Structures are given as C-alpha cells and as structure tokens.
Amino acid sequence: MNKKMVGLCFVLMMSLLISCNSNTALINETNEVVVSTNNVEETDVAEVEEEVEEVIEVEVYVEPEDLDNPKLPATLTYIGRATMKIEFADETVVYIDPYAGTDADYETPADLVLVTHQHGDHNKVDKVTLKEEGQVVMCPTDLVTGDTIELYGLSITAVTAYNGNHPKAKGCGFLIEAGEMTLYHAGDTSYVPEMVELADEHIDFAFIPMDGVYNMGPVEAKLVADTILAEVIMPIHTDGELDWNQDNADKFSAENKIIILPGETLEIK
C-alpha cells in the first residue's frame, strides 16, 4: 500500500471590503498587500499575525486510508536513548525500551512494554507501572525474530537486529502495526542484509540508532534509510553514553529525517 506524508497547509484569504467604516486592503503594483487600518487597533493586527504564524508552523502526517483508524491520532513521546512512549486514541499506552528519563516520564500506566534486548539501557521495566491487564514482551525471552503477536489491537513482529556488540540471537527490532500505520523500532543494530525485506513493509515511521559506538553511526544509518524506504526516519540512541547527541543527529543526512529531542512529542494523525 502506498503511503503519503501530507503537510497540513492553511490558506489565508483576505476580503476586500470598501466602505466608509470598514478596513480597506489594496494590492499595489508590486503585489504587496497594503492594509488601511481605519478603526482597527494595532494590537488586533499583531494578534492576527501571531495566529497566522503559529498555524503555518503546524505539520501533520496523514494516512488517507487511516481516517477511520480507531488507534489514531496517536502521540509519540521520545524520552531519550532508545526509550519512547506511544499513546493511541483508544487509550492504549505502549513503552519501548524503558530506561531514559525520570519517574515523571513514566506516570502514565502501560498496557504494553516492549523490550528489544536485555542490555541495561533498554530493559528497566520496573520504571513502568502496568495497567491491571498490562503485559511486558521481551526479546528474546518472549519473542524471537520472525514471531508475531496480536495485543491490544496491535500487530507486533520481531525483526532482525544485530552487530558485533549485539548477538543476533539475543535481540530484535519491532514492527508495530496499528491498522494501516506501521512503526519500526530498530533496537540496537547496525545495517544488516535482512533489512532489505523491510522495504516491503511500507513503514511510516522508523526509529534508528546511530551512536557510532555500540551501533552504526550516522553514515551507515543513511544506508539503512535508503534500504528500508520508510516515510519518516527519526534518530534515536545517538550517543554511546548520553541520552542524546545532536552532532550525530545532524550528521544523519537522510532527506526524510525528523529530529525529536528528548522530552518532545510527535503527533501522528
């Protein structure tokens, strides 16, 4: 299925009203709009300009075939390192690789916690409070590469993730399908030949490590981007020790990258 990333655009139309008690907008020969502010306070004009500026800055990623998806809209909060929280419209809450952040970042109880592997900067599940029927799903104890489970209206598939620091049999990445929307959390990995198969998954959002110490660096991550053909790719695990490294994120040269800093939230509609 073809996916689209659609920017939400707003068109501001100005009516030309000519009367003795109204504002008058004229377009001069240089196509500049000249506004006569008779009976209009300067503060009113400033407020309109501010509102227009705020609206234009908004971008929303829309899947037309997903307009009736009960999981959307969703919000994705990047907590840091490889850690994120996804809150779906039906109130399903998912954490991936809990580690970074403070207790406040884990205040929302979880339906599901996904762990890509058992390194200490990915598996701090005790930070998360589970709902009454909440579950923790870990690689490789609960899932191994190739396994798919259906939970909370989500389809979750374990996919290949490995390099010299992360044995192939001891970890995975996750494909998370919510209706027609597909997310890919790569876990800890470098480029591997099996990633060619991910191009057929029509990934909407991919989250790729690029610390250059325990995983691939930004240059190799660009190879991954060119291979998996995701609509949007977000750098994660950008430093060997810290939760975030802006230099590595900046060096990642994929044209479809989006940078979300720790603590920031991305809205998916």
C-alpha atoms as a PDB file:
ATOM      1  CA  MET A   1       0.000   0.000   0.000  1.00  0.00           C
ATOM      2  CA  ASN A   2       1.389   3.397  -0.918  1.00  0.00           C
ATOM      3  CA  LYS A   3       1.774   5.790   1.992  1.00  0.00           C
ATOM      4  CA  LYS A   4       1.848   9.549   1.882  1.00  0.00           C
ATOM      5  CA  MET A   5       3.211  12.184   4.183  1.00  0.00           C
ATOM      6  CA  VAL A   6       0.876  15.118   3.815  1.00  0.00           C
ATOM      7  CA  GLY A   7       1.719  18.595   5.175  1.00  0.00           C
ATOM      8  CA  LEU A   8      -1.269  20.477   6.538  1.00  0.00           C
ATOM      9  CA  CYS A   9      -1.387  23.853   4.805  1.00  0.00           C
ATOM     10  CA  PHE A  10      -3.519  26.825   5.609  1.00  0.00           C
ATOM     11  CA  VAL A  11      -4.543  29.452   3.079  1.00  0.00           C
ATOM     12  CA  LEU A  12      -5.311  32.885   4.413  1.00  0.00           C
ATOM     13  CA  MET A  13      -7.816  34.770   2.255  1.00  0.00           C
ATOM     14  CA  MET A  14      -8.342  38.478   2.732  1.00  0.00           C
ATOM     15  CA  SER A  15     -11.647  40.025   1.624  1.00  0.00           C
ATOM     16  CA  LEU A  16     -11.609  43.443   0.064  1.00  0.00           C
ATOM     17  CA  LEU A  17     -14.346  45.409   1.748  1.00  0.00           C
ATOM     18  CA  ILE A  18     -14.798  49.031   0.664  1.00  0.00           C
ATOM     19  CA  SER A  19     -16.967  51.221   2.806  1.00  0.00           C
ATOM     20  CA  CYS A  20     -16.594  54.305   4.898  1.00  0.00           C
ATOM     21  CA  ASN A  21     -16.492  52.381   8.177  1.00  0.00           C
ATOM     22  CA  SER A  22     -14.517  49.281   7.125  1.00  0.00           C
ATOM     23  CA  ASN A  23     -10.861  48.324   6.687  1.00  0.00           C
ATOM     24  CA  THR A  24      -9.522  48.526   3.147  1.00  0.00           C
ATOM     25  CA  ALA A  25      -6.983  46.091   1.643  1.00  0.00           C
ATOM     26  CA  LEU A  26      -5.268  47.095  -1.586  1.00  0.00           C
ATOM     27  CA  ILE A  27      -2.733  45.252  -3.721  1.00  0.00           C
ATOM     28  CA  ASN A  28      -0.137  47.560  -5.236  1.00  0.00           C
ATOM     29  CA  GLU A  29       1.806  47.037  -8.450  1.00  0.00           C
ATOM     30  CA  THR A  30       4.476  45.032  -6.651  1.00  0.00           C
ATOM     31  CA  ASN A  31       1.856  42.566  -5.373  1.00  0.00           C
ATOM     32  CA  GLU A  32       2.346  43.675  -1.779  1.00  0.00           C
ATOM     33  CA  VAL A  33      -0.765  43.831   0.358  1.00  0.00           C
ATOM     34  CA  VAL A  34      -1.364  47.311   1.764  1.00  0.00           C
ATOM     35  CA  VAL A  35      -3.866  47.453   4.618  1.00  0.00           C
ATOM     36  CA  SER A  36      -5.640  50.572   5.773  1.00  0.00           C
ATOM     37  CA  THR A  37      -6.279  50.146   9.469  1.00  0.00           C
ATOM     38  CA  ASN A  38      -9.079  52.634   9.944  1.00  0.00           C
ATOM     39  CA  ASN A  39     -10.882  51.862  13.196  1.00  0.00           C
ATOM     40  CA  VAL A  40      -8.528  48.903  13.896  1.00  0.00           C
ATOM     41  CA  GLU A  41      -6.202  48.769  16.864  1.00  0.00           C
ATOM     42  CA  GLU A  42      -2.566  47.855  16.166  1.00  0.00           C
ATOM     43  CA  THR A  43      -2.805  45.147  18.826  1.00  0.00           C
ATOM     44  CA  ASP A  44      -5.578  43.454  16.820  1.00  0.00           C
ATOM     45  CA  VAL A  45      -3.355  43.275  13.745  1.00  0.00           C
ATOM     46  CA  ALA A  46      -0.468  41.878  15.792  1.00  0.00           C
ATOM     47  CA  GLU A  47      -2.700  39.181  17.240  1.00  0.00           C
ATOM     48  CA  VAL A  48      -3.831  38.101  13.762  1.00  0.00           C
ATOM     49  CA  GLU A  49      -0.237  37.970  12.512  1.00  0.00           C
ATOM     50  CA  GLU A  50       0.774  35.867  15.511  1.00  0.00           C
ATOM     51  CA  GLU A  51      -2.087  33.425  14.966  1.00  0.00           C
ATOM     52  CA  VAL A  52      -1.229  33.012  11.283  1.00  0.00           C
ATOM     53  CA  GLU A  53       2.419  32.330  12.077  1.00  0.00           C
ATOM     54  CA  GLU A  54       1.524  29.655  14.646  1.00  0.00           C
ATOM     55  CA  VAL A  55      -0.805  27.852  12.257  1.00  0.00           C
ATOM     56  CA  ILE A  56       1.663  27.749   9.371  1.00  0.00           C
ATOM     57  CA  GLU A  57       4.252  26.033  11.543  1.00  0.00           C
ATOM     58  CA  VAL A  58       1.961  23.036  12.174  1.00  0.00           C
ATOM     59  CA  GLU A  59       2.705  19.838  10.230  1.00  0.00           C
ATOM     60  CA  VAL A  60       0.603  16.665  10.426  1.00  0.00           C
ATOM     61  CA  TYR A  61       1.341  13.294   8.873  1.00  0.00           C
ATOM     62  CA  VAL A  62      -1.862  11.875   7.414  1.00  0.00           C
ATOM     63  CA  GLU A  63      -2.670   8.466   6.014  1.00  0.00           C
ATOM     64  CA  PRO A  64      -5.865   8.955   3.966  1.00  0.00           C
ATOM     65  CA  GLU A  65      -6.801   5.288   4.293  1.00  0.00           C
ATOM     66  CA  ASP A  66      -6.402   5.583   8.067  1.00  0.00           C
ATOM     67  CA  LEU A  67      -9.015   8.273   8.657  1.00  0.00           C
ATOM     68  CA  ASP A  68     -11.249   5.686  10.357  1.00  0.00           C
ATOM     69  CA  ASN A  69      -8.409   4.006  12.275  1.00  0.00           C
ATOM     70  CA  PRO A  70      -9.502   3.793  15.950  1.00  0.00           C
ATOM     71  CA  LYS A  71      -5.848   3.910  17.009  1.00  0.00           C
ATOM     72  CA  LEU A  72      -5.313   7.363  15.535  1.00  0.00           C
ATOM     73  CA  PRO A  73      -4.448  10.051  16.267  1.00  0.00           C
ATOM     74  CA  ALA A  74      -1.565   8.904  18.425  1.00  0.00           C
ATOM     75  CA  THR A  75       1.174  10.763  20.254  1.00  0.00           C
ATOM     76  CA  LEU A  76       4.756   9.569  20.428  1.00  0.00           C
ATOM     77  CA  THR A  77       6.908  10.988  23.208  1.00  0.00           C
ATOM     78  CA  TYR A  78      10.650  10.498  22.832  1.00  0.00           C
ATOM     79  CA  ILE A  79      12.002  10.076  26.362  1.00  0.00           C
ATOM     80  CA  GLY A  80      15.657   9.637  25.368  1.00  0.00           C
ATOM     81  CA  ARG A  81      18.214   6.988  24.405  1.00  0.00           C
ATOM     82  CA  ALA A  82      16.016   4.294  22.758  1.00  0.00           C
ATOM     83  CA  THR A  83      13.062   4.961  25.053  1.00  0.00           C
ATOM     84  CA  MET A  84       9.679   6.156  23.830  1.00  0.00           C
ATOM     85  CA  LYS A  85       6.048   6.195  24.850  1.00  0.00           C
ATOM     86  CA  ILE A  86       3.182   5.863  22.373  1.00  0.00           C
ATOM     87  CA  GLU A  87      -0.353   6.807  23.393  1.00  0.00           C
ATOM     88  CA  PHE A  88      -3.064   5.760  20.948  1.00  0.00           C
ATOM     89  CA  ALA A  89      -6.504   7.295  20.509  1.00  0.00           C
ATOM     90  CA  ASP A  90      -8.212   4.287  22.106  1.00  0.00           C
ATOM     91  CA  GLU A  91      -6.114   4.901  25.261  1.00  0.00           C
ATOM     92  CA  THR A  92      -3.682   2.047  24.590  1.00  0.00           C
ATOM     93  CA  VAL A  93      -0.288   3.024  26.041  1.00  0.00           C
ATOM     94  CA  VAL A  94       2.962   1.402  24.893  1.00  0.00           C
ATOM     95  CA  TYR A  95       6.509   1.964  26.181  1.00  0.00           C
ATOM     96  CA  ILE A  96       9.529   0.747  24.218  1.00  0.00           C
ATOM     97  CA  ASP A  97      12.929   0.058  25.814  1.00  0.00           C
ATOM     98  CA  PRO A  98      12.333   1.846  29.141  1.00  0.00           C
ATOM     99  CA  TYR A  99      15.494   3.381  30.566  1.00  0.00           C
ATOM    100  CA  ALA A 100      15.913   7.119  29.980  1.00  0.00           C
ATOM    101  CA  GLY A 101      14.071   9.921  31.734  1.00  0.00           C
ATOM    102  CA  THR A 102      12.719  10.430  35.231  1.00  0.00           C
ATOM    103  CA  ASP A 103       9.793   8.967  37.143  1.00  0.00           C
ATOM    104  CA  ALA A 104       7.600  11.702  35.692  1.00  0.00           C
ATOM    105  CA  ASP A 105       8.161  10.282  32.198  1.00  0.00           C
ATOM    106  CA  TYR A 106       6.532   7.026  33.268  1.00  0.00           C
ATOM    107  CA  GLU A 107       3.500   8.361  35.127  1.00  0.00           C
ATOM    108  CA  THR A 108       1.048   7.028  32.546  1.00  0.00           C
ATOM    109  CA  PRO A 109       0.311   3.327  33.245  1.00  0.00           C
ATOM    110  CA  ALA A 110       1.067   0.986  30.356  1.00  0.00           C
ATOM    111  CA  ASP A 111      -0.901  -1.643  28.513  1.00  0.00           C
ATOM    112  CA  LEU A 112       2.267  -2.931  26.910  1.00  0.00           C
ATOM    113  CA  VAL A 113       6.020  -2.654  27.427  1.00  0.00           C
ATOM    114  CA  LEU A 114       8.277  -3.817  24.594  1.00  0.00           C
ATOM    115  CA  VAL A 115      11.968  -4.596  25.195  1.00  0.00           C
ATOM    116  CA  THR A 116      14.292  -5.165  22.238  1.00  0.00           C
ATOM    117  CA  HIS A 117      17.075  -6.851  24.243  1.00  0.00           C
ATOM    118  CA  GLN A 118      18.414  -7.294  27.741  1.00  0.00           C
ATOM    119  CA  HIS A 119      21.093  -4.603  27.971  1.00  0.00           C
ATOM    120  CA  GLY A 120      20.672  -2.357  30.990  1.00  0.00           C
ATOM    121  CA  ASP A 121      19.939   0.778  28.963  1.00  0.00           C
ATOM    122  CA  HIS A 122      16.883  -0.837  27.366  1.00  0.00           C
ATOM    123  CA  ASN A 123      15.162  -3.080  29.909  1.00  0.00           C
ATOM    124  CA  LYS A 124      14.291  -1.045  33.018  1.00  0.00           C
ATOM    125  CA  VAL A 125      10.718  -2.343  33.074  1.00  0.00           C
ATOM    126  CA  ASP A 126      10.432  -1.614  36.800  1.00  0.00           C
ATOM    127  CA  LYS A 127      10.162   2.081  35.882  1.00  0.00           C
ATOM    128  CA  VAL A 128       6.784   1.406  34.269  1.00  0.00           C
ATOM    129  CA  THR A 129       3.507   0.899  36.099  1.00  0.00           C
ATOM    130  CA  LEU A 130       1.351  -1.626  34.267  1.00  0.00           C
ATOM    131  CA  LYS A 131      -2.403  -1.437  33.997  1.00  0.00           C
ATOM    132  CA  GLU A 132      -4.336  -4.311  35.563  1.00  0.00           C
ATOM    133  CA  GLU A 133      -4.027  -6.428  32.421  1.00  0.00           C
ATOM    134  CA  GLY A 134      -0.790  -4.870  31.180  1.00  0.00           C
ATOM    135  CA  GLN A 135       1.965  -7.026  29.718  1.00  0.00           C
ATOM    136  CA  VAL A 136       5.728  -6.932  29.201  1.00  0.00           C
ATOM    137  CA  VAL A 137       7.046  -8.527  25.999  1.00  0.00           C
ATOM    138  CA  MET A 138      10.806  -9.017  25.713  1.00  0.00           C
ATOM    139  CA  CYS A 139      13.226 -10.275  23.109  1.00  0.00           C
ATOM    140  CA  PRO A 140      14.455 -12.975  23.204  1.00  0.00           C
ATOM    141  CA  THR A 141      12.528 -14.456  26.150  1.00  0.00           C
ATOM    142  CA  ASP A 142       9.010 -13.840  24.834  1.00  0.00           C
ATOM    143  CA  LEU A 143       9.643 -13.236  21.140  1.00  0.00           C
ATOM    144  CA  VAL A 144      12.382 -14.142  18.690  1.00  0.00           C
ATOM    145  CA  THR A 145      12.959 -12.856  15.181  1.00  0.00           C
ATOM    146  CA  GLY A 146      10.055 -13.793  12.936  1.00  0.00           C
ATOM    147  CA  ASP A 147       7.449 -14.091  15.699  1.00  0.00           C
ATOM    148  CA  THR A 148       4.254 -12.030  15.521  1.00  0.00           C
ATOM    149  CA  ILE A 149       1.781 -11.411  18.333  1.00  0.00           C
ATOM    150  CA  GLU A 150      -1.556  -9.584  18.425  1.00  0.00           C
ATOM    151  CA  LEU A 151      -2.147  -7.465  21.532  1.00  0.00           C
ATOM    152  CA  TYR A 152      -4.456  -4.505  22.250  1.00  0.00           C
ATOM    153  CA  GLY A 153      -5.378  -4.103  18.609  1.00  0.00           C
ATOM    154  CA  LEU A 154      -1.722  -4.008  17.562  1.00  0.00           C
ATOM    155  CA  SER A 155       0.247  -6.481  15.480  1.00  0.00           C
ATOM    156  CA  ILE A 156       3.832  -6.751  16.742  1.00  0.00           C
ATOM    157  CA  THR A 157       6.539  -8.566  14.790  1.00  0.00           C
ATOM    158  CA  ALA A 158      10.091  -9.182  15.968  1.00  0.00           C
ATOM    159  CA  VAL A 159      12.614  -8.422  13.199  1.00  0.00           C
ATOM    160  CA  THR A 160      16.350  -8.909  12.858  1.00  0.00           C
ATOM    161  CA  ALA A 161      18.716  -6.651  14.834  1.00  0.00           C
ATOM    162  CA  TYR A 162      22.390  -7.365  15.487  1.00  0.00           C
ATOM    163  CA  ASN A 163      26.018  -6.285  15.174  1.00  0.00           C
ATOM    164  CA  GLY A 164      29.366  -7.034  16.809  1.00  0.00           C
ATOM    165  CA  ASN A 165      28.099  -5.785  20.179  1.00  0.00           C
ATOM    166  CA  HIS A 166      24.651  -7.367  19.987  1.00  0.00           C
ATOM    167  CA  PRO A 167      24.410 -11.073  19.110  1.00  0.00           C
ATOM    168  CA  LYS A 168      21.764 -11.976  16.559  1.00  0.00           C
ATOM    169  CA  ALA A 169      20.002 -14.465  18.818  1.00  0.00           C
ATOM    170  CA  LYS A 170      19.730 -12.123  21.801  1.00  0.00           C
ATOM    171  CA  GLY A 171      17.733  -9.184  20.495  1.00  0.00           C
ATOM    172  CA  CYS A 172      15.336  -7.867  17.900  1.00  0.00           C
ATOM    173  CA  GLY A 173      13.681  -4.813  16.454  1.00  0.00           C
ATOM    174  CA  PHE A 174       9.920  -4.344  16.387  1.00  0.00           C
ATOM    175  CA  LEU A 175       7.446  -3.704  13.605  1.00  0.00           C
ATOM    176  CA  ILE A 176       4.278  -2.341  15.199  1.00  0.00           C
ATOM    177  CA  GLU A 177       1.179  -2.209  13.017  1.00  0.00           C
ATOM    178  CA  ALA A 178      -1.854  -0.160  14.057  1.00  0.00           C
ATOM    179  CA  GLY A 179      -4.328  -0.541  11.257  1.00  0.00           C
ATOM    180  CA  GLU A 180      -2.575   0.655   8.122  1.00  0.00           C
ATOM    181  CA  MET A 181       0.090   2.558  10.050  1.00  0.00           C
ATOM    182  CA  THR A 182       3.435   0.816  10.624  1.00  0.00           C
ATOM    183  CA  LEU A 183       6.154   1.844  13.070  1.00  0.00           C
ATOM    184  CA  TYR A 184       9.649   0.355  13.162  1.00  0.00           C
ATOM    185  CA  HIS A 185      11.842   0.481  16.269  1.00  0.00           C
ATOM    186  CA  ALA A 186      15.198  -0.935  15.199  1.00  0.00           C
ATOM    187  CA  GLY A 187      16.532  -1.771  18.676  1.00  0.00           C
ATOM    188  CA  ASP A 188      20.332  -1.915  18.866  1.00  0.00           C
ATOM    189  CA  THR A 189      21.734  -2.815  15.473  1.00  0.00           C
ATOM    190  CA  SER A 190      23.852  -1.822  12.532  1.00  0.00           C
ATOM    191  CA  TYR A 191      22.973  -2.280   8.885  1.00  0.00           C
ATOM    192  CA  VAL A 192      22.231  -5.954   8.216  1.00  0.00           C
ATOM    193  CA  PRO A 193      21.271  -7.618   4.902  1.00  0.00           C
ATOM    194  CA  GLU A 194      17.890  -8.702   6.282  1.00  0.00           C
ATOM    195  CA  MET A 195      16.798  -5.051   6.316  1.00  0.00           C
ATOM    196  CA  VAL A 196      16.150  -5.298   2.560  1.00  0.00           C
ATOM    197  CA  GLU A 197      12.943  -7.144   3.424  1.00  0.00           C
ATOM    198  CA  LEU A 198      11.661  -4.167   5.422  1.00  0.00           C
ATOM    199  CA  ALA A 199      11.140  -2.167   2.217  1.00  0.00           C
ATOM    200  CA  ASP A 200       8.060  -4.336   1.614  1.00  0.00           C
ATOM    201  CA  GLU A 201       6.554  -3.373   4.977  1.00  0.00           C
ATOM    202  CA  HIS A 202       5.649   0.185   3.915  1.00  0.00           C
ATOM    203  CA  ILE A 203       6.961   1.697   7.139  1.00  0.00           C
ATOM    204  CA  ASP A 204       5.544   5.071   8.108  1.00  0.00           C
ATOM    205  CA  PHE A 205       7.888   5.953  10.990  1.00  0.00           C
ATOM    206  CA  ALA A 206      11.281   4.351  11.652  1.00  0.00           C
ATOM    207  CA  PHE A 207      13.423   4.906  14.748  1.00  0.00           C
ATOM    208  CA  ILE A 208      17.076   4.125  14.048  1.00  0.00           C
ATOM    209  CA  PRO A 209      20.126   4.039  16.394  1.00  0.00           C
ATOM    210  CA  MET A 210      23.235   5.909  15.265  1.00  0.00           C
ATOM    211  CA  ASP A 211      25.650   6.350  18.161  1.00  0.00           C
ATOM    212  CA  GLY A 212      28.664   5.032  16.238  1.00  0.00           C
ATOM    213  CA  VAL A 213      29.953   3.232  19.335  1.00  0.00           C
ATOM    214  CA  TYR A 214      27.731   0.259  20.101  1.00  0.00           C
ATOM    215  CA  ASN A 215      25.737   0.546  16.886  1.00  0.00           C
ATOM    216  CA  MET A 216      26.117   2.050  13.432  1.00  0.00           C
ATOM    217  CA  GLY A 217      26.933   5.719  13.010  1.00  0.00           C
ATOM    218  CA  PRO A 218      25.057   8.351  11.003  1.00  0.00           C
ATOM    219  CA  VAL A 219      26.611   7.400   7.644  1.00  0.00           C
ATOM    220  CA  GLU A 220      25.630   3.745   7.960  1.00  0.00           C
ATOM    221  CA  ALA A 221      22.213   4.809   9.237  1.00  0.00           C
ATOM    222  CA  LYS A 222      21.733   6.644   5.913  1.00  0.00           C
ATOM    223  CA  LEU A 223      22.277   3.294   4.186  1.00  0.00           C
ATOM    224  CA  VAL A 224      19.519   1.842   6.352  1.00  0.00           C
ATOM    225  CA  ALA A 225      17.241   4.737   5.410  1.00  0.00           C
ATOM    226  CA  ASP A 226      17.890   4.129   1.715  1.00  0.00           C
ATOM    227  CA  THR A 227      17.178   0.414   2.204  1.00  0.00           C
ATOM    228  CA  ILE A 228      14.001   0.304   4.270  1.00  0.00           C
ATOM    229  CA  LEU A 229      12.258   3.172   2.431  1.00  0.00           C
ATOM    230  CA  ALA A 230      10.328   4.461   5.442  1.00  0.00           C
ATOM    231  CA  GLU A 231       8.283   7.632   5.020  1.00  0.00           C
ATOM    232  CA  VAL A 232       9.874   9.328   8.051  1.00  0.00           C
ATOM    233  CA  ILE A 233      13.030   8.376   9.964  1.00  0.00           C
ATOM    234  CA  MET A 234      13.892   9.619  13.435  1.00  0.00           C
ATOM    235  CA  PRO A 235      17.357   9.295  15.024  1.00  0.00           C
ATOM    236  CA  ILE A 236      17.480   7.566  18.418  1.00  0.00           C
ATOM    237  CA  HIS A 237      20.294   6.137  20.577  1.00  0.00           C
ATOM    238  CA  THR A 238      22.562   8.844  19.158  1.00  0.00           C
ATOM    239  CA  ASP A 239      25.341   8.605  21.780  1.00  0.00           C
ATOM    240  CA  GLY A 240      27.410   5.861  23.349  1.00  0.00           C
ATOM    241  CA  GLU A 241      26.717   7.039  26.893  1.00  0.00           C
ATOM    242  CA  LEU A 242      24.341  10.007  26.905  1.00  0.00           C
ATOM    243  CA  ASP A 243      20.639  10.091  26.099  1.00  0.00           C
ATOM    244  CA  TRP A 244      21.185  12.435  23.123  1.00  0.00           C
ATOM    245  CA  ASN A 245      23.960  13.596  20.789  1.00  0.00           C
ATOM    246  CA  GLN A 246      22.944  16.441  18.497  1.00  0.00           C
ATOM    247  CA  ASP A 247      26.088  16.167  16.340  1.00  0.00           C
ATOM    248  CA  ASN A 248      25.247  12.611  15.282  1.00  0.00           C
ATOM    249  CA  ALA A 249      21.633  13.548  14.623  1.00  0.00           C
ATOM    250  CA  ASP A 250      22.810  16.439  12.431  1.00  0.00           C
ATOM    251  CA  LYS A 251      25.234  14.201  10.518  1.00  0.00           C
ATOM    252  CA  PHE A 252      22.428  11.835   9.575  1.00  0.00           C
ATOM    253  CA  SER A 253      21.749  13.030   6.033  1.00  0.00           C
ATOM    254  CA  ALA A 254      18.500  11.305   5.069  1.00  0.00           C
ATOM    255  CA  GLU A 255      16.149  13.824   3.469  1.00  0.00           C
ATOM    256  CA  ASN A 256      13.139  12.342   5.253  1.00  0.00           C
ATOM    257  CA  LYS A 257      14.584  12.573   8.746  1.00  0.00           C
ATOM    258  CA  ILE A 258      12.758  14.293  11.577  1.00  0.00           C
ATOM    259  CA  ILE A 259      14.519  15.242  14.797  1.00  0.00           C
ATOM    260  CA  ILE A 260      12.527  14.919  18.006  1.00  0.00           C
ATOM    261  CA  LEU A 261      14.532  15.844  21.103  1.00  0.00           C
ATOM    262  CA  PRO A 262      14.193  14.005  24.418  1.00  0.00           C
ATOM    263  CA  GLY A 263      11.012  15.181  26.092  1.00  0.00           C
ATOM    264  CA  GLU A 264       9.356  16.270  22.854  1.00  0.00           C
ATOM    265  CA  THR A 265       6.204  14.738  21.415  1.00  0.00           C
ATOM    266  CA  LEU A 266       5.285  13.908  17.826  1.00  0.00           C
ATOM    267  CA  GLU A 267       1.601  13.772  16.875  1.00  0.00           C
ATOM    268  CA  ILE A 268       0.600  11.098  14.381  1.00  0.00           C
ATOM    269  CA  LYS A 269      -2.784  11.542  12.697  1.00  0.00           C
END
